[in-house]
Amino acid sequence: SEETVAALRADMEANPGGFDDGVSPAEEEAI
């Protein structure tokens, strides 16, 4: 939807690194 851009920009400003779920890329690959 049109609101996605605004919501995603707000999320990016609030948390510039993204939402980390605590799983490293190596662990995610193993999963």
ModelCIF file with pLDDT and N, C-alpha, C, O atoms, coordinates in Angstrom:
data_MODEL
#
_entry.id   MODEL 
#
_entity.id                         1 
_entity.type                       polymer 
_entity.pdbx_number_of_molecules   1 
#
_entity_poly.entity_id                      1 
_entity_poly.type                           'polypeptide(L)' 
_entity_poly.nstd_linkage                   no 
_entity_poly.nstd_monomer                   no 
_entity_poly.pdbx_seq_one_letter_code       SEETVAALRADMEANPGGFDDGVSPAEEEAI 
_entity_poly.pdbx_seq_one_letter_code_can   SEETVAALRADMEANPGGFDDGVSPAEEEAI 
_entity_poly.pdbx_strand_id                 A 
#
loop_
_entity_poly_seq.entity_id 
_entity_poly_seq.num 
_entity_poly_seq.mon_id 
_entity_poly_seq.hetero 
1 1  SER n 
1 2  GLU n 
1 3  GLU n 
1 4  THR n 
1 5  VAL n 
1 6  ALA n 
1 7  ALA n 
1 8  LEU n 
1 9  ARG n 
1 10 ALA n 
1 11 ASP n 
1 12 MET n 
1 13 GLU n 
1 14 ALA n 
1 15 ASN n 
1 16 PRO n 
1 17 GLY n 
1 18 GLY n 
1 19 PHE n 
1 20 ASP n 
1 21 ASP n 
1 22 GLY n 
1 23 VAL n 
1 24 SER n 
1 25 PRO n 
1 26 ALA n 
1 27 GLU n 
1 28 GLU n 
1 29 GLU n 
1 30 ALA n 
1 31 ILE n 
#
_struct_asym.id          A 
_struct_asym.entity_id   1 
#
loop_
_ma_qa_metric.id 
_ma_qa_metric.mode 
_ma_qa_metric.name 
_ma_qa_metric.software_group_id 
_ma_qa_metric.type 
1 global pLDDT . pLDDT 
2 local  pLDDT . pLDDT 
#
_ma_qa_metric_global.metric_id      1 
_ma_qa_metric_global.metric_value   70.29 
_ma_qa_metric_global.model_id       1 
_ma_qa_metric_global.ordinal_id     1 
#
loop_
_ma_qa_metric_local.label_asym_id 
_ma_qa_metric_local.label_comp_id 
_ma_qa_metric_local.label_seq_id 
_ma_qa_metric_local.metric_id 
_ma_qa_metric_local.metric_value 
_ma_qa_metric_local.model_id 
_ma_qa_metric_local.ordinal_id 
A SER 1  2 88.00 1 1  
A GLU 2  2 87.00 1 2  
A GLU 3  2 88.00 1 3  
A THR 4  2 87.00 1 4  
A VAL 5  2 87.00 1 5  
A ALA 6  2 88.00 1 6  
A ALA 7  2 89.00 1 7  
A LEU 8  2 87.00 1 8  
A ARG 9  2 88.00 1 9  
A ALA 10 2 89.00 1 10 
A ASP 11 2 87.00 1 11 
A MET 12 2 86.00 1 12 
A GLU 13 2 86.00 1 13 
A ALA 14 2 86.00 1 14 
A ASN 15 2 82.00 1 15 
A PRO 16 2 77.00 1 16 
A GLY 17 2 71.00 1 17 
A GLY 18 2 68.00 1 18 
A PHE 19 2 63.00 1 19 
A ASP 20 2 53.00 1 20 
A ASP 21 2 51.00 1 21 
A GLY 22 2 45.00 1 22 
A VAL 23 2 49.00 1 23 
A SER 24 2 47.00 1 24 
A PRO 25 2 48.00 1 25 
A ALA 26 2 49.00 1 26 
A GLU 27 2 51.00 1 27 
A GLU 28 2 49.00 1 28 
A GLU 29 2 51.00 1 29 
A ALA 30 2 51.00 1 30 
A ILE 31 2 51.00 1 31 
#
loop_
_atom_site.group_PDB 
_atom_site.id 
_atom_site.type_symbol 
_atom_site.label_atom_id 
_atom_site.label_alt_id 
_atom_site.label_comp_id 
_atom_site.label_asym_id 
_atom_site.label_entity_id 
_atom_site.label_seq_id 
_atom_site.pdbx_PDB_ins_code 
_atom_site.Cartn_x 
_atom_site.Cartn_y 
_atom_site.Cartn_z 
_atom_site.occupancy 
_atom_site.B_iso_or_equiv 
_atom_site.pdbx_formal_charge 
_atom_site.auth_seq_id 
_atom_site.auth_comp_id 
_atom_site.auth_asym_id 
_atom_site.auth_atom_id 
_atom_site.pdbx_PDB_model_num 
ATOM 1   N N  . SER A 1 1  ? 0.838  -1.201  0.000  1.00 88.00 ? 1  SER A N  1 
ATOM 2   C CA . SER A 1 1  ? 0.000  0.000   0.000  1.00 88.00 ? 1  SER A CA 1 
ATOM 3   C C  . SER A 1 1  ? 0.873  1.251   0.000  1.00 88.00 ? 1  SER A C  1 
ATOM 4   O O  . SER A 1 1  ? 2.089  1.180   0.180  1.00 88.00 ? 1  SER A O  1 
ATOM 5   N N  . GLU A 1 2  ? 0.228  2.397   -0.206 1.00 87.00 ? 2  GLU A N  1 
ATOM 6   C CA . GLU A 1 2  ? 0.926  3.689   -0.227 1.00 87.00 ? 2  GLU A CA 1 
ATOM 7   C C  . GLU A 1 2  ? 1.560  3.999   1.128  1.00 87.00 ? 2  GLU A C  1 
ATOM 8   O O  . GLU A 1 2  ? 2.589  4.673   1.183  1.00 87.00 ? 2  GLU A O  1 
ATOM 9   N N  . GLU A 1 3  ? 0.967  3.520   2.220  1.00 88.00 ? 3  GLU A N  1 
ATOM 10  C CA . GLU A 1 3  ? 1.474  3.810   3.566  1.00 88.00 ? 3  GLU A CA 1 
ATOM 11  C C  . GLU A 1 3  ? 2.762  3.062   3.886  1.00 88.00 ? 3  GLU A C  1 
ATOM 12  O O  . GLU A 1 3  ? 3.426  3.382   4.872  1.00 88.00 ? 3  GLU A O  1 
ATOM 13  N N  . THR A 1 4  ? 3.124  2.090   3.088  1.00 87.00 ? 4  THR A N  1 
ATOM 14  C CA . THR A 1 4  ? 4.313  1.281   3.362  1.00 87.00 ? 4  THR A CA 1 
ATOM 15  C C  . THR A 1 4  ? 5.571  2.134   3.376  1.00 87.00 ? 4  THR A C  1 
ATOM 16  O O  . THR A 1 4  ? 6.428  1.953   4.241  1.00 87.00 ? 4  THR A O  1 
ATOM 17  N N  . VAL A 1 5  ? 5.697  3.051   2.444  1.00 87.00 ? 5  VAL A N  1 
ATOM 18  C CA . VAL A 1 5  ? 6.901  3.889   2.352  1.00 87.00 ? 5  VAL A CA 1 
ATOM 19  C C  . VAL A 1 5  ? 7.082  4.687   3.633  1.00 87.00 ? 5  VAL A C  1 
ATOM 20  O O  . VAL A 1 5  ? 8.180  4.718   4.191  1.00 87.00 ? 5  VAL A O  1 
ATOM 21  N N  . ALA A 1 6  ? 6.014  5.337   4.112  1.00 88.00 ? 6  ALA A N  1 
ATOM 22  C CA . ALA A 1 6  ? 6.107  6.147   5.328  1.00 88.00 ? 6  ALA A CA 1 
ATOM 23  C C  . ALA A 1 6  ? 6.429  5.272   6.536  1.00 88.00 ? 6  ALA A C  1 
ATOM 24  O O  . ALA A 1 6  ? 7.258  5.643   7.367  1.00 88.00 ? 6  ALA A O  1 
ATOM 25  N N  . ALA A 1 7  ? 5.780  4.120   6.639  1.00 89.00 ? 7  ALA A N  1 
ATOM 26  C CA . ALA A 1 7  ? 6.016  3.237   7.775  1.00 89.00 ? 7  ALA A CA 1 
ATOM 27  C C  . ALA A 1 7  ? 7.448  2.703   7.765  1.00 89.00 ? 7  ALA A C  1 
ATOM 28  O O  . ALA A 1 7  ? 8.095  2.639   8.811  1.00 89.00 ? 7  ALA A O  1 
ATOM 29  N N  . LEU A 1 8  ? 7.941  2.322   6.597  1.00 87.00 ? 8  LEU A N  1 
ATOM 30  C CA . LEU A 1 8  ? 9.302  1.791   6.495  1.00 87.00 ? 8  LEU A CA 1 
ATOM 31  C C  . LEU A 1 8  ? 10.329 2.879   6.791  1.00 87.00 ? 8  LEU A C  1 
ATOM 32  O O  . LEU A 1 8  ? 11.322 2.621   7.472  1.00 87.00 ? 8  LEU A O  1 
ATOM 33  N N  . ARG A 1 9  ? 10.107 4.081   6.291  1.00 88.00 ? 9  ARG A N  1 
ATOM 34  C CA . ARG A 1 9  ? 11.026 5.190   6.600  1.00 88.00 ? 9  ARG A CA 1 
ATOM 35  C C  . ARG A 1 9  ? 11.041 5.475   8.102  1.00 88.00 ? 9  ARG A C  1 
ATOM 36  O O  . ARG A 1 9  ? 12.105 5.723   8.669  1.00 88.00 ? 9  ARG A O  1 
ATOM 37  N N  . ALA A 1 10 ? 9.877  5.445   8.750  1.00 89.00 ? 10 ALA A N  1 
ATOM 38  C CA . ALA A 1 10 ? 9.812  5.663   10.199 1.00 89.00 ? 10 ALA A CA 1 
ATOM 39  C C  . ALA A 1 10 ? 10.580 4.570   10.934 1.00 89.00 ? 10 ALA A C  1 
ATOM 40  O O  . ALA A 1 10 ? 11.304 4.856   11.888 1.00 89.00 ? 10 ALA A O  1 
ATOM 41  N N  . ASP A 1 11 ? 10.427 3.319   10.497 1.00 87.00 ? 11 ASP A N  1 
ATOM 42  C CA . ASP A 1 11 ? 11.176 2.213   11.110 1.00 87.00 ? 11 ASP A CA 1 
ATOM 43  C C  . ASP A 1 11 ? 12.669 2.384   10.906 1.00 87.00 ? 11 ASP A C  1 
ATOM 44  O O  . ASP A 1 11 ? 13.454 2.109   11.814 1.00 87.00 ? 11 ASP A O  1 
ATOM 45  N N  . MET A 1 12 ? 13.070 2.834   9.727  1.00 86.00 ? 12 MET A N  1 
ATOM 46  C CA . MET A 1 12 ? 14.498 3.013   9.425  1.00 86.00 ? 12 MET A CA 1 
ATOM 47  C C  . MET A 1 12 ? 15.091 4.138   10.274 1.00 86.00 ? 12 MET A C  1 
ATOM 48  O O  . MET A 1 12 ? 16.241 4.047   10.705 1.00 86.00 ? 12 MET A O  1 
ATOM 49  N N  . GLU A 1 13 ? 14.322 5.187   10.513 1.00 86.00 ? 13 GLU A N  1 
ATOM 50  C CA . GLU A 1 13 ? 14.819 6.282   11.355 1.00 86.00 ? 13 GLU A CA 1 
ATOM 51  C C  . GLU A 1 13 ? 14.896 5.853   12.813 1.00 86.00 ? 13 GLU A C  1 
ATOM 52  O O  . GLU A 1 13 ? 15.846 6.205   13.512 1.00 86.00 ? 13 GLU A O  1 
ATOM 53  N N  . ALA A 1 14 ? 13.904 5.095   13.279 1.00 86.00 ? 14 ALA A N  1 
ATOM 54  C CA . ALA A 1 14 ? 13.875 4.656   14.670 1.00 86.00 ? 14 ALA A CA 1 
ATOM 55  C C  . ALA A 1 14 ? 14.958 3.627   14.955 1.00 86.00 ? 14 ALA A C  1 
ATOM 56  O O  . ALA A 1 14 ? 15.522 3.614   16.050 1.00 86.00 ? 14 ALA A O  1 
ATOM 57  N N  . ASN A 1 15 ? 15.254 2.779   14.005 1.00 82.00 ? 15 ASN A N  1 
ATOM 58  C CA . ASN A 1 15 ? 16.248 1.721   14.206 1.00 82.00 ? 15 ASN A CA 1 
ATOM 59  C C  . ASN A 1 15 ? 17.058 1.577   12.925 1.00 82.00 ? 15 ASN A C  1 
ATOM 60  O O  . ASN A 1 15 ? 16.716 0.756   12.073 1.00 82.00 ? 15 ASN A O  1 
ATOM 61  N N  . PRO A 1 16 ? 18.141 2.369   12.767 1.00 77.00 ? 16 PRO A N  1 
ATOM 62  C CA . PRO A 1 16 ? 18.893 2.366   11.508 1.00 77.00 ? 16 PRO A CA 1 
ATOM 63  C C  . PRO A 1 16 ? 19.505 1.016   11.132 1.00 77.00 ? 16 PRO A C  1 
ATOM 64  O O  . PRO A 1 16 ? 19.721 0.754   9.949  1.00 77.00 ? 16 PRO A O  1 
ATOM 65  N N  . GLY A 1 17 ? 19.783 0.171   12.094 1.00 71.00 ? 17 GLY A N  1 
ATOM 66  C CA . GLY A 1 17 ? 20.420 -1.113  11.787 1.00 71.00 ? 17 GLY A CA 1 
ATOM 67  C C  . GLY A 1 17 ? 19.438 -2.207  11.478 1.00 71.00 ? 17 GLY A C  1 
ATOM 68  O O  . GLY A 1 17 ? 19.850 -3.331  11.190 1.00 71.00 ? 17 GLY A O  1 
ATOM 69  N N  . GLY A 1 18 ? 18.152 -1.925  11.526 1.00 68.00 ? 18 GLY A N  1 
ATOM 70  C CA . GLY A 1 18 ? 17.157 -2.968  11.305 1.00 68.00 ? 18 GLY A CA 1 
ATOM 71  C C  . GLY A 1 18 ? 16.823 -3.644  12.608 1.00 68.00 ? 18 GLY A C  1 
ATOM 72  O O  . GLY A 1 18 ? 17.481 -3.405  13.620 1.00 68.00 ? 18 GLY A O  1 
ATOM 73  N N  . PHE A 1 19 ? 15.826 -4.470  12.599 1.00 63.00 ? 19 PHE A N  1 
ATOM 74  C CA . PHE A 1 19 ? 15.425 -5.196  13.794 1.00 63.00 ? 19 PHE A CA 1 
ATOM 75  C C  . PHE A 1 19 ? 16.195 -6.489  13.826 1.00 63.00 ? 19 PHE A C  1 
ATOM 76  O O  . PHE A 1 19 ? 15.942 -7.393  13.030 1.00 63.00 ? 19 PHE A O  1 
ATOM 77  N N  . ASP A 1 20 ? 17.140 -6.579  14.746 1.00 53.00 ? 20 ASP A N  1 
ATOM 78  C CA . ASP A 1 20 ? 17.963 -7.773  14.852 1.00 53.00 ? 20 ASP A CA 1 
ATOM 79  C C  . ASP A 1 20 ? 17.224 -8.770  15.719 1.00 53.00 ? 20 ASP A C  1 
ATOM 80  O O  . ASP A 1 20 ? 16.808 -8.449  16.833 1.00 53.00 ? 20 ASP A O  1 
ATOM 81  N N  . ASP A 1 21 ? 17.060 -9.979  15.210 1.00 51.00 ? 21 ASP A N  1 
ATOM 82  C CA . ASP A 1 21 ? 16.361 -10.995 15.987 1.00 51.00 ? 21 ASP A CA 1 
ATOM 83  C C  . ASP A 1 21 ? 17.321 -11.812 16.847 1.00 51.00 ? 21 ASP A C  1 
ATOM 84  O O  . ASP A 1 21 ? 16.931 -12.834 17.411 1.00 51.00 ? 21 ASP A O  1 
ATOM 85  N N  . GLY A 1 22 ? 18.581 -11.364 16.951 1.00 45.00 ? 22 GLY A N  1 
ATOM 86  C CA . GLY A 1 22 ? 19.542 -12.037 17.805 1.00 45.00 ? 22 GLY A CA 1 
ATOM 87  C C  . GLY A 1 22 ? 20.221 -13.219 17.156 1.00 45.00 ? 22 GLY A C  1 
ATOM 88  O O  . GLY A 1 22 ? 20.993 -13.916 17.815 1.00 45.00 ? 22 GLY A O  1 
ATOM 89  N N  . VAL A 1 23 ? 19.963 -13.469 15.893 1.00 49.00 ? 23 VAL A N  1 
ATOM 90  C CA . VAL A 1 23 ? 20.557 -14.595 15.195 1.00 49.00 ? 23 VAL A CA 1 
ATOM 91  C C  . VAL A 1 23 ? 21.612 -14.065 14.238 1.00 49.00 ? 23 VAL A C  1 
ATOM 92  O O  . VAL A 1 23 ? 21.322 -13.211 13.401 1.00 49.00 ? 23 VAL A O  1 
ATOM 93  N N  . SER A 1 24 ? 22.826 -14.565 14.358 1.00 47.00 ? 24 SER A N  1 
ATOM 94  C CA . SER A 1 24 ? 23.895 -14.119 13.462 1.00 47.00 ? 24 SER A CA 1 
ATOM 95  C C  . SER A 1 24 ? 23.673 -14.725 12.082 1.00 47.00 ? 24 SER A C  1 
ATOM 96  O O  . SER A 1 24 ? 22.965 -15.724 11.952 1.00 47.00 ? 24 SER A O  1 
ATOM 97  N N  . PRO A 1 25 ? 24.276 -14.128 11.041 1.00 48.00 ? 25 PRO A N  1 
ATOM 98  C CA . PRO A 1 25 ? 24.112 -14.684 9.690  1.00 48.00 ? 25 PRO A CA 1 
ATOM 99  C C  . PRO A 1 25 ? 24.583 -16.130 9.592  1.00 48.00 ? 25 PRO A C  1 
ATOM 100 O O  . PRO A 1 25 ? 23.970 -16.923 8.877  1.00 48.00 ? 25 PRO A O  1 
ATOM 101 N N  . ALA A 1 26 ? 25.664 -16.496 10.298 1.00 49.00 ? 26 ALA A N  1 
ATOM 102 C CA . ALA A 1 26 ? 26.146 -17.873 10.259 1.00 49.00 ? 26 ALA A CA 1 
ATOM 103 C C  . ALA A 1 26 ? 25.137 -18.817 10.893 1.00 49.00 ? 26 ALA A C  1 
ATOM 104 O O  . ALA A 1 26 ? 24.891 -19.911 10.385 1.00 49.00 ? 26 ALA A O  1 
ATOM 105 N N  . GLU A 1 27 ? 24.542 -18.378 12.030 1.00 51.00 ? 27 GLU A N  1 
ATOM 106 C CA . GLU A 1 27 ? 23.530 -19.203 12.675 1.00 51.00 ? 27 GLU A CA 1 
ATOM 107 C C  . GLU A 1 27 ? 22.293 -19.324 11.800 1.00 51.00 ? 27 GLU A C  1 
ATOM 108 O O  . GLU A 1 27 ? 21.686 -20.392 11.720 1.00 51.00 ? 27 GLU A O  1 
ATOM 109 N N  . GLU A 1 28 ? 21.918 -18.233 11.143 1.00 49.00 ? 28 GLU A N  1 
ATOM 110 C CA . GLU A 1 28 ? 20.753 -18.249 10.268 1.00 49.00 ? 28 GLU A CA 1 
ATOM 111 C C  . GLU A 1 28 ? 20.981 -19.204 9.104  1.00 49.00 ? 28 GLU A C  1 
ATOM 112 O O  . GLU A 1 28 ? 20.067 -19.922 8.699  1.00 49.00 ? 28 GLU A O  1 
ATOM 113 N N  . GLU A 1 29 ? 22.201 -19.216 8.564  1.00 51.00 ? 29 GLU A N  1 
ATOM 114 C CA . GLU A 1 29 ? 22.514 -20.126 7.468  1.00 51.00 ? 29 GLU A CA 1 
ATOM 115 C C  . GLU A 1 29 ? 22.441 -21.569 7.939  1.00 51.00 ? 29 GLU A C  1 
ATOM 116 O O  . GLU A 1 29 ? 21.973 -22.443 7.209  1.00 51.00 ? 29 GLU A O  1 
ATOM 117 N N  . ALA A 1 30 ? 22.907 -21.820 9.171  1.00 51.00 ? 30 ALA A N  1 
ATOM 118 C CA . ALA A 1 30 ? 22.852 -23.177 9.706  1.00 51.00 ? 30 ALA A CA 1 
ATOM 119 C C  . ALA A 1 30 ? 21.410 -23.611 9.937  1.00 51.00 ? 30 ALA A C  1 
ATOM 120 O O  . ALA A 1 30 ? 21.081 -24.787 9.780  1.00 51.00 ? 30 ALA A O  1 
ATOM 121 N N  . ILE A 1 31 ? 20.546 -22.664 10.309 1.00 51.00 ? 31 ILE A N  1 
ATOM 122 C CA . ILE A 1 31 ? 19.139 -22.988 10.532 1.00 51.00 ? 31 ILE A CA 1 
ATOM 123 C C  . ILE A 1 31 ? 18.495 -23.418 9.229  1.00 51.00 ? 31 ILE A C  1 
ATOM 124 O O  . ILE A 1 31 ? 17.306 -23.735 9.203  1.00 51.00 ? 31 ILE A O  1 
#
